[in-house]
C-alpha atoms as a PDB file:
ATOM      1  CA  MET A   1       0.000   0.000   0.000  1.00  0.00           C
ATOM      2  CA  ASN A   2       1.414   3.396  -0.984  1.00  0.00           C
ATOM      3  CA  ASP A   3       2.292   5.339   2.167  1.00  0.00           C
ATOM      4  CA  PRO A   4       2.867   9.088   1.642  1.00  0.00           C
ATOM      5  CA  TYR A   5       3.946   9.364   5.292  1.00  0.00           C
ATOM      6  CA  ALA A   6       6.693   6.732   5.133  1.00  0.00           C
ATOM      7  CA  SER A   7       9.473   9.318   4.855  1.00  0.00           C
ATOM      8  CA  ILE A   8       7.904  12.201   6.787  1.00  0.00           C
ATOM      9  CA  ALA A   9       6.252  10.733   9.911  1.00  0.00           C
ATOM     10  CA  ASP A  10       8.576  12.597  12.278  1.00  0.00           C
ATOM     11  CA  LEU A  11       8.259  15.785  10.241  1.00  0.00           C
ATOM     12  CA  TYR A  12       4.459  15.544  10.333  1.00  0.00           C
ATOM     13  CA  ASP A  13       4.594  15.615  14.127  1.00  0.00           C
ATOM     14  CA  LEU A  14       6.703  18.774  14.131  1.00  0.00           C
ATOM     15  CA  GLU A  15       3.940  20.532  12.236  1.00  0.00           C
ATOM     16  CA  HIS A  16       0.839  19.075  13.910  1.00  0.00           C
ATOM     17  CA  ASP A  17       1.697  18.319  17.532  1.00  0.00           C
ATOM     18  CA  THR A  18       1.017  21.909  18.583  1.00  0.00           C
ATOM     19  CA  PHE A  19      -2.535  21.804  17.145  1.00  0.00           C
ATOM     20  CA  SER A  20      -4.959  21.221  20.011  1.00  0.00           C
ATOM     21  CA  ASP A  21      -8.110  23.157  19.047  1.00  0.00           C
ATOM     22  CA  ASP A  22     -10.164  19.974  18.628  1.00  0.00           C
ATOM     23  CA  LEU A  23      -9.027  17.978  21.662  1.00  0.00           C
ATOM     24  CA  ASP A  24     -11.513  19.302  24.245  1.00  0.00           C
ATOM     25  CA  LEU A  25     -14.350  18.520  21.844  1.00  0.00           C
ATOM     26  CA  TYR A  26     -13.361  14.857  21.553  1.00  0.00           C
ATOM     27  CA  VAL A  27     -12.849  14.416  25.298  1.00  0.00           C
ATOM     28  CA  ASN A  28     -16.233  16.005  26.036  1.00  0.00           C
ATOM     29  CA  LEU A  29     -18.010  13.841  23.462  1.00  0.00           C
ATOM     30  CA  ALA A  30     -16.291  10.759  24.839  1.00  0.00           C
ATOM     31  CA  GLN A  31     -17.609  11.597  28.288  1.00  0.00           C
ATOM     32  CA  ALA A  32     -21.125  11.794  26.866  1.00  0.00           C
ATOM     33  CA  ALA A  33     -20.995   8.796  24.516  1.00  0.00           C
ATOM     34  CA  GLY A  34     -18.885   6.477  26.660  1.00  0.00           C
ATOM     35  CA  ASP A  35     -15.989   4.298  25.742  1.00  0.00           C
ATOM     36  CA  PRO A  36     -14.434   2.337  24.142  1.00  0.00           C
ATOM     37  CA  ILE A  37     -13.416   4.757  21.414  1.00  0.00           C
ATOM     38  CA  LEU A  38     -12.176   4.071  17.892  1.00  0.00           C
ATOM     39  CA  GLU A  39     -10.139   6.667  16.029  1.00  0.00           C
ATOM     40  CA  LEU A  40      -9.895   6.100  12.284  1.00  0.00           C
ATOM     41  CA  GLY A  41      -6.735   7.531  10.723  1.00  0.00           C
ATOM     42  CA  CYS A  42      -5.158   7.963  14.153  1.00  0.00           C
ATOM     43  CA  GLY A  43      -1.778   8.935  12.719  1.00  0.00           C
ATOM     44  CA  SER A  44       0.872   9.310  15.403  1.00  0.00           C
ATOM     45  CA  GLY A  45      -1.623   9.508  18.274  1.00  0.00           C
ATOM     46  CA  ARG A  46      -2.180  13.254  18.670  1.00  0.00           C
ATOM     47  CA  VAL A  47      -5.874  12.721  19.513  1.00  0.00           C
ATOM     48  CA  MET A  48      -5.482   9.332  21.177  1.00  0.00           C
ATOM     49  CA  ARG A  49      -3.134  10.518  23.907  1.00  0.00           C
ATOM     50  CA  PRO A  50      -5.464  13.026  25.645  1.00  0.00           C
ATOM     51  CA  LEU A  51      -8.325  10.512  25.456  1.00  0.00           C
ATOM     52  CA  LEU A  52      -6.142   7.927  27.157  1.00  0.00           C
ATOM     53  CA  ASP A  53      -5.051  10.519  29.720  1.00  0.00           C
ATOM     54  CA  ALA A  54      -8.740  11.125  30.479  1.00  0.00           C
ATOM     55  CA  GLY A  55      -9.123   7.421  31.325  1.00  0.00           C
ATOM     56  CA  PHE A  56     -10.805   6.079  28.191  1.00  0.00           C
ATOM     57  CA  ARG A  57     -10.092   2.880  26.303  1.00  0.00           C
ATOM     58  CA  VAL A  58      -9.022   3.771  22.766  1.00  0.00           C
ATOM     59  CA  THR A  59      -8.275   1.822  19.593  1.00  0.00           C
ATOM     60  CA  GLY A  60      -6.248   3.605  16.920  1.00  0.00           C
ATOM     61  CA  LEU A  61      -6.462   2.476  13.288  1.00  0.00           C
ATOM     62  CA  ASP A  62      -4.178   3.734  10.539  1.00  0.00           C
ATOM     63  CA  ARG A  63      -2.967   2.433   7.187  1.00  0.00           C
ATOM     64  CA  SER A  64       0.544   3.866   7.662  1.00  0.00           C
ATOM     65  CA  SER A  65       2.797   1.538   9.614  1.00  0.00           C
ATOM     66  CA  HIS A  66       5.259   4.410  10.112  1.00  0.00           C
ATOM     67  CA  MET A  67       2.645   6.641  11.703  1.00  0.00           C
ATOM     68  CA  LEU A  68       1.282   3.771  13.778  1.00  0.00           C
ATOM     69  CA  GLU A  69       4.757   3.061  15.153  1.00  0.00           C
ATOM     70  CA  ARG A  70       4.877   6.626  16.443  1.00  0.00           C
ATOM     71  CA  ALA A  71       1.406   6.222  17.945  1.00  0.00           C
ATOM     72  CA  LEU A  72       2.611   3.095  19.757  1.00  0.00           C
ATOM     73  CA  GLU A  73       5.448   5.100  21.295  1.00  0.00           C
ATOM     74  CA  ARG A  74       3.242   8.025  22.299  1.00  0.00           C
ATOM     75  CA  CYS A  75       0.217   6.058  23.500  1.00  0.00           C
ATOM     76  CA  ALA A  76       1.642   2.964  25.191  1.00  0.00           C
ATOM     77  CA  VAL A  77      -0.986   2.696  27.956  1.00  0.00           C
ATOM     78  CA  PRO A  78      -1.360  -0.948  29.089  1.00  0.00           C
ATOM     79  CA  ASP A  79      -4.864  -2.431  28.885  1.00  0.00           C
ATOM     80  CA  ARG A  80      -6.430   0.748  27.456  1.00  0.00           C
ATOM     81  CA  ALA A  81      -4.652   1.373  24.138  1.00  0.00           C
ATOM     82  CA  LEU A  82      -5.027  -0.900  21.116  1.00  0.00           C
ATOM     83  CA  PHE A  83      -3.643  -0.415  17.602  1.00  0.00           C
ATOM     84  CA  HIS A  84      -4.681  -1.796  14.234  1.00  0.00           C
ATOM     85  CA  LEU A  85      -2.912  -1.484  10.886  1.00  0.00           C
ATOM     86  CA  GLY A  86      -5.499  -1.273   8.137  1.00  0.00           C
ATOM     87  CA  SER A  87      -7.787   0.826   5.976  1.00  0.00           C
ATOM     88  CA  MET A  88     -10.576   2.993   7.368  1.00  0.00           C
ATOM     89  CA  THR A  89     -12.925   1.005   5.132  1.00  0.00           C
ATOM     90  CA  GLN A  90     -12.335  -1.897   7.545  1.00  0.00           C
ATOM     91  CA  ALA A  91     -13.283  -0.052  10.728  1.00  0.00           C
ATOM     92  CA  ASP A  92     -15.471  -2.919  11.899  1.00  0.00           C
ATOM     93  CA  GLN A  93     -12.398  -5.195  11.987  1.00  0.00           C
ATOM     94  CA  ALA A  94     -10.592  -3.054  14.557  1.00  0.00           C
ATOM     95  CA  PRO A  95     -10.138  -4.732  17.954  1.00  0.00           C
ATOM     96  CA  GLY A  96     -11.790  -3.502  21.128  1.00  0.00           C
ATOM     97  CA  GLY A  97     -15.340  -2.907  19.911  1.00  0.00           C
ATOM     98  CA  PRO A  98     -18.189  -2.402  19.753  1.00  0.00           C
ATOM     99  CA  PHE A  99     -17.457   1.264  20.296  1.00  0.00           C
ATOM    100  CA  GLY A 100     -19.351   4.089  21.931  1.00  0.00           C
ATOM    101  CA  LEU A 101     -17.630   6.713  19.796  1.00  0.00           C
ATOM    102  CA  VAL A 102     -15.880   6.696  16.412  1.00  0.00           C
ATOM    103  CA  ILE A 103     -13.700   9.707  15.601  1.00  0.00           C
ATOM    104  CA  ILE A 104     -12.423  10.712  12.154  1.00  0.00           C
ATOM    105  CA  ALA A 105     -10.376  13.823  12.914  1.00  0.00           C
ATOM    106  CA  LEU A 106      -8.760  16.614  10.905  1.00  0.00           C
ATOM    107  CA  ASN A 107      -9.647  15.746   7.285  1.00  0.00           C
ATOM    108  CA  GLY A 108      -9.087  12.016   7.817  1.00  0.00           C
ATOM    109  CA  LEU A 109     -12.088  11.042   5.679  1.00  0.00           C
ATOM    110  CA  LEU A 110     -10.723  13.122   2.787  1.00  0.00           C
ATOM    111  CA  HIS A 111      -7.625  10.939   2.478  1.00  0.00           C
ATOM    112  CA  LEU A 112      -9.853   8.336   0.817  1.00  0.00           C
ATOM    113  CA  PRO A 113      -9.606   9.196  -2.894  1.00  0.00           C
ATOM    114  CA  ALA A 114     -13.030   8.007  -4.075  1.00  0.00           C
ATOM    115  CA  GLN A 115     -16.617   8.453  -2.944  1.00  0.00           C
ATOM    116  CA  ASP A 116     -17.230   4.705  -2.700  1.00  0.00           C
ATOM    117  CA  GLU A 117     -14.334   4.371  -0.233  1.00  0.00           C
ATOM    118  CA  GLN A 118     -15.675   7.259   1.832  1.00  0.00           C
ATOM    119  CA  ARG A 119     -19.112   5.650   1.817  1.00  0.00           C
ATOM    120  CA  GLU A 120     -17.726   2.240   2.834  1.00  0.00           C
ATOM    121  CA  THR A 121     -15.754   3.857   5.653  1.00  0.00           C
ATOM    122  CA  LEU A 122     -18.928   5.406   7.055  1.00  0.00           C
ATOM    123  CA  ALA A 123     -20.802   2.108   6.668  1.00  0.00           C
ATOM    124  CA  SER A 124     -17.986   0.225   8.381  1.00  0.00           C
ATOM    125  CA  ALA A 125     -17.830   2.813  11.171  1.00  0.00           C
ATOM    126  CA  ARG A 126     -21.534   2.325  11.816  1.00  0.00           C
ATOM    127  CA  ARG A 127     -21.048  -1.444  12.034  1.00  0.00           C
ATOM    128  CA  ALA A 128     -18.257  -0.850  14.556  1.00  0.00           C
ATOM    129  CA  LEU A 129     -20.477   1.234  16.856  1.00  0.00           C
ATOM    130  CA  ASP A 130     -22.737  -0.100  19.559  1.00  0.00           C
ATOM    131  CA  PRO A 131     -26.504   0.669  19.258  1.00  0.00           C
ATOM    132  CA  ARG A 132     -26.132   3.870  21.296  1.00  0.00           C
ATOM    133  CA  GLY A 133     -22.918   4.897  19.539  1.00  0.00           C
ATOM    134  CA  GLN A 134     -21.983   8.170  17.916  1.00  0.00           C
ATOM    135  CA  LEU A 135     -19.772   9.221  15.002  1.00  0.00           C
ATOM    136  CA  ILE A 136     -17.919  12.524  14.839  1.00  0.00           C
ATOM    137  CA  LEU A 137     -15.874  13.661  11.864  1.00  0.00           C
ATOM    138  CA  ASP A 138     -14.019  16.833  11.002  1.00  0.00           C
ATOM    139  CA  VAL A 139     -13.292  18.013   7.454  1.00  0.00           C
ATOM    140  CA  PHE A 140     -12.606  21.413   5.978  1.00  0.00           C
ATOM    141  CA  ASN A 141     -15.530  23.209   4.365  1.00  0.00           C
ATOM    142  CA  PRO A 142     -14.847  23.392   0.592  1.00  0.00           C
ATOM    143  CA  SER A 143     -16.274  26.850   0.037  1.00  0.00           C
ATOM    144  CA  PRO A 144     -15.232  28.653  -3.164  1.00  0.00           C
ATOM    145  CA  GLN A 145     -13.006  30.905  -1.057  1.00  0.00           C
ATOM    146  CA  ALA A 146     -11.289  27.921   0.608  1.00  0.00           C
ATOM    147  CA  LEU A 147     -10.681  26.136  -2.699  1.00  0.00           C
ATOM    148  CA  SER A 148      -9.312  29.254  -4.386  1.00  0.00           C
ATOM    149  CA  VAL A 149      -6.031  29.037  -2.447  1.00  0.00           C
ATOM    150  CA  PHE A 150      -5.105  25.741  -4.131  1.00  0.00           C
ATOM    151  CA  ASP A 151      -3.878  27.417  -7.289  1.00  0.00           C
ATOM    152  CA  ARG A 152      -0.636  25.535  -8.087  1.00  0.00           C
ATOM    153  CA  THR A 153       1.364  28.333  -6.471  1.00  0.00           C
ATOM    154  CA  PHE A 154       4.543  27.302  -4.659  1.00  0.00           C
ATOM    155  CA  HIS A 155       4.031  28.031  -0.936  1.00  0.00           C
ATOM    156  CA  HIS A 156       6.368  28.092   2.036  1.00  0.00           C
ATOM    157  CA  GLU A 157       4.139  26.625   4.771  1.00  0.00           C
ATOM    158  CA  GLY A 158       6.354  26.904   7.823  1.00  0.00           C
ATOM    159  CA  THR A 159       9.661  26.438   9.616  1.00  0.00           C
ATOM    160  CA  TRP A 160      10.375  24.174  12.587  1.00  0.00           C
ATOM    161  CA  ARG A 161      13.336  22.813  14.554  1.00  0.00           C
ATOM    162  CA  ASP A 162      13.702  19.100  15.229  1.00  0.00           C
ATOM    163  CA  LYS A 163      15.197  17.535  18.365  1.00  0.00           C
ATOM    164  CA  THR A 164      18.729  17.939  17.008  1.00  0.00           C
ATOM    165  CA  GLY A 165      18.220  21.624  16.270  1.00  0.00           C
ATOM    166  CA  GLU A 166      18.163  21.163  12.506  1.00  0.00           C
ATOM    167  CA  ARG A 167      15.888  23.505  10.602  1.00  0.00           C
ATOM    168  CA  ILE A 168      12.909  22.027   8.722  1.00  0.00           C
ATOM    169  CA  ASP A 169      11.142  24.045   6.011  1.00  0.00           C
ATOM    170  CA  LYS A 170       7.961  22.815   4.346  1.00  0.00           C
ATOM    171  CA  PHE A 171       6.934  23.826   0.821  1.00  0.00           C
ATOM    172  CA  SER A 172       3.862  22.818  -1.162  1.00  0.00           C
ATOM    173  CA  ALA A 173       2.121  23.173  -4.503  1.00  0.00           C
ATOM    174  CA  GLN A 174      -1.533  22.196  -4.704  1.00  0.00           C
ATOM    175  CA  GLN A 175      -4.236  22.207  -7.346  1.00  0.00           C
ATOM    176  CA  VAL A 176      -7.947  21.448  -7.432  1.00  0.00           C
ATOM    177  CA  LEU A 177      -9.336  18.938  -9.909  1.00  0.00           C
ATOM    178  CA  ASN A 178     -12.980  19.963  -9.759  1.00  0.00           C
ATOM    179  CA  ALA A 179     -14.393  17.123 -11.850  1.00  0.00           C
ATOM    180  CA  ASN A 180     -13.379  14.569  -9.219  1.00  0.00           C
ATOM    181  CA  GLN A 181     -13.366  16.895  -6.173  1.00  0.00           C
ATOM    182  CA  ILE A 182      -9.661  16.194  -5.699  1.00  0.00           C
ATOM    183  CA  ILE A 183      -6.981  18.420  -4.188  1.00  0.00           C
ATOM    184  CA  SER A 184      -3.633  17.162  -5.435  1.00  0.00           C
ATOM    185  CA  SER A 185      -0.674  18.109  -3.234  1.00  0.00           C
ATOM    186  CA  GLU A 186       3.053  17.960  -3.862  1.00  0.00           C
ATOM    187  CA  LEU A 187       5.081  18.451  -0.668  1.00  0.00           C
ATOM    188  CA  TRP A 188       8.770  19.113  -0.051  1.00  0.00           C
ATOM    189  CA  TYR A 189      10.572  19.183   3.296  1.00  0.00           C
ATOM    190  CA  ASP A 190      14.038  20.760   3.401  1.00  0.00           C
ATOM    191  CA  ARG A 191      16.249  19.760   6.321  1.00  0.00           C
ATOM    192  CA  THR A 192      19.167  22.173   6.909  1.00  0.00           C
ATOM    193  CA  ASP A 193      21.954  20.994   9.207  1.00  0.00           C
ATOM    194  CA  SER A 194      24.360  23.124  11.252  1.00  0.00           C
ATOM    195  CA  THR A 195      26.799  23.392   8.346  1.00  0.00           C
ATOM    196  CA  GLY A 196      24.166  24.669   5.928  1.00  0.00           C
ATOM    197  CA  ASN A 197      23.778  21.442   3.949  1.00  0.00           C
ATOM    198  CA  VAL A 198      20.219  20.875   2.749  1.00  0.00           C
ATOM    199  CA  THR A 199      18.507  17.510   2.330  1.00  0.00           C
ATOM    200  CA  ARG A 200      15.141  17.494   0.557  1.00  0.00           C
ATOM    201  CA  ILE A 201      12.384  14.943   1.129  1.00  0.00           C
ATOM    202  CA  ALA A 202       9.494  14.875  -1.354  1.00  0.00           C
ATOM    203  CA  THR A 203       6.101  13.250  -1.062  1.00  0.00           C
ATOM    204  CA  SER A 204       2.585  13.712  -2.417  1.00  0.00           C
ATOM    205  CA  HIS A 205      -0.995  12.924  -1.547  1.00  0.00           C
ATOM    206  CA  SER A 206      -4.532  13.699  -2.645  1.00  0.00           C
ATOM    207  CA  LEU A 207      -7.645  14.706  -0.715  1.00  0.00           C
ATOM    208  CA  ARG A 208     -11.179  14.169  -1.980  1.00  0.00           C
ATOM    209  CA  TYR A 209     -13.248  16.999  -0.515  1.00  0.00           C
ATOM    210  CA  VAL A 210     -16.947  16.599   0.268  1.00  0.00           C
ATOM    211  CA  HIS A 211     -19.671  19.219   0.294  1.00  0.00           C
ATOM    212  CA  PRO A 212     -22.074  19.407   3.259  1.00  0.00           C
ATOM    213  CA  PHE A 213     -25.128  17.950   1.535  1.00  0.00           C
ATOM    214  CA  GLU A 214     -23.073  15.200  -0.090  1.00  0.00           C
ATOM    215  CA  LEU A 215     -21.772  14.245   3.327  1.00  0.00           C
ATOM    216  CA  THR A 216     -25.210  14.128   4.930  1.00  0.00           C
ATOM    217  CA  LEU A 217     -26.454  11.998   2.023  1.00  0.00           C
ATOM    218  CA  LEU A 218     -23.564   9.574   2.575  1.00  0.00           C
ATOM    219  CA  LEU A 219     -24.524   9.388   6.252  1.00  0.00           C
ATOM    220  CA  GLU A 220     -28.137   8.643   5.330  1.00  0.00           C
ATOM    221  CA  LEU A 221     -27.135   5.973   2.814  1.00  0.00           C
ATOM    222  CA  THR A 222     -24.936   4.250   5.399  1.00  0.00           C
ATOM    223  CA  GLY A 223     -27.647   4.128   8.049  1.00  0.00           C
ATOM    224  CA  PHE A 224     -26.791   7.019  10.346  1.00  0.00           C
ATOM    225  CA  VAL A 225     -29.508   9.212  11.837  1.00  0.00           C
ATOM    226  CA  ASP A 226     -29.799  12.501  13.725  1.00  0.00           C
ATOM    227  CA  TRP A 227     -26.789  14.058  12.029  1.00  0.00           C
ATOM    228  CA  ARG A 228     -25.884  17.609  12.933  1.00  0.00           C
ATOM    229  CA  LEU A 229     -23.547  20.047  11.193  1.00  0.00           C
ATOM    230  CA  TYR A 230     -21.332  22.556  12.995  1.00  0.00           C
ATOM    231  CA  GLY A 231     -18.921  25.220  11.814  1.00  0.00           C
ATOM    232  CA  GLY A 232     -16.126  24.777  14.364  1.00  0.00           C
ATOM    233  CA  TYR A 233     -14.771  23.061  17.445  1.00  0.00           C
ATOM    234  CA  GLU A 234     -17.016  25.050  19.790  1.00  0.00           C
ATOM    235  CA  LEU A 235     -19.965  23.506  17.922  1.00  0.00           C
ATOM    236  CA  GLU A 236     -20.989  26.881  16.553  1.00  0.00           C
ATOM    237  CA  GLN A 237     -23.605  27.062  13.818  1.00  0.00           C
ATOM    238  CA  PHE A 238     -22.447  25.961  10.374  1.00  0.00           C
ATOM    239  CA  HIS A 239     -22.714  28.515   7.589  1.00  0.00           C
ATOM    240  CA  ALA A 240     -21.529  28.759   3.988  1.00  0.00           C
ATOM    241  CA  ASN A 241     -18.186  30.347   4.866  1.00  0.00           C
ATOM    242  CA  SER A 242     -17.362  28.274   7.940  1.00  0.00           C
ATOM    243  CA  GLU A 243     -13.757  27.113   7.914  1.00  0.00           C
ATOM    244  CA  ARG A 244     -14.563  23.648   9.302  1.00  0.00           C
ATOM    245  CA  LEU A 245     -17.392  21.182   8.755  1.00  0.00           C
ATOM    246  CA  ILE A 246     -17.910  19.190  11.953  1.00  0.00           C
ATOM    247  CA  VAL A 247     -20.548  16.454  11.779  1.00  0.00           C
ATOM    248  CA  THR A 248     -22.000  14.257  14.508  1.00  0.00           C
ATOM    249  CA  ALA A 249     -24.319  11.352  13.732  1.00  0.00           C
ATOM    250  CA  GLU A 250     -26.047   8.612  15.719  1.00  0.00           C
ATOM    251  CA  VAL A 251     -26.629   4.918  15.167  1.00  0.00           C
ATOM    252  CA  THR A 252     -30.083   5.040  16.736  1.00  0.00           C
ATOM    253  CA  ALA A 253     -32.469   7.963  16.810  1.00  0.00           C
ATOM    254  CA  THR A 254     -32.829   9.620  20.207  1.00  0.00           C
ATOM    255  CA  ARG A 255     -36.323  10.273  21.523  1.00  0.00           C
END
């Protein structure tokens, strides 16, 4: 299986470990829905760790063995942390279920390049949930304004320092393929050592974005009910120009 994170797992953490805007939301939902919890596309365990720290039982699933190895290091909590290497379309095969909550965080669903894979992931997630279970997923809202920035322009996205003090610079070039709702990304990471020598690592990936009504239709087709759309991590009202599209959905309708 092609793994775009094979060469950049440690670099990914430099960029994303400081992002915590969504963590309180997941912990609060876990307290309401109950454990165990399944995170699809768990990556290196950024979301898993605070859930484990809050006392929950959590299974992390990811298709990247390199990212999952980092999750094992970060989230080694005996008896409460489980890990499964596999596709999100096989959520119901993850150990530790049935689950009270399934989380697909930070554009995870969009890493599936076709609508049928996204639909099967949602169907599999529903099969993995217990009858009172809940799904929450977070994707970016593909408004015309949001999509306009993916214009093939070469961008410098940030600078970080790794544990050795070496400088890491990330560059990207992205374009939108509207016919298939694909954002194609080429990524380059430049590592500069203390002597000024530069080593470049290149990778690429694609995201298939989903519009709000397409997503709710996919939820309906896969058997979810009582879905709700929000525009951010404080569960504010969703509107056309919201930056995020946060969706919760239930297995069984509440009365």
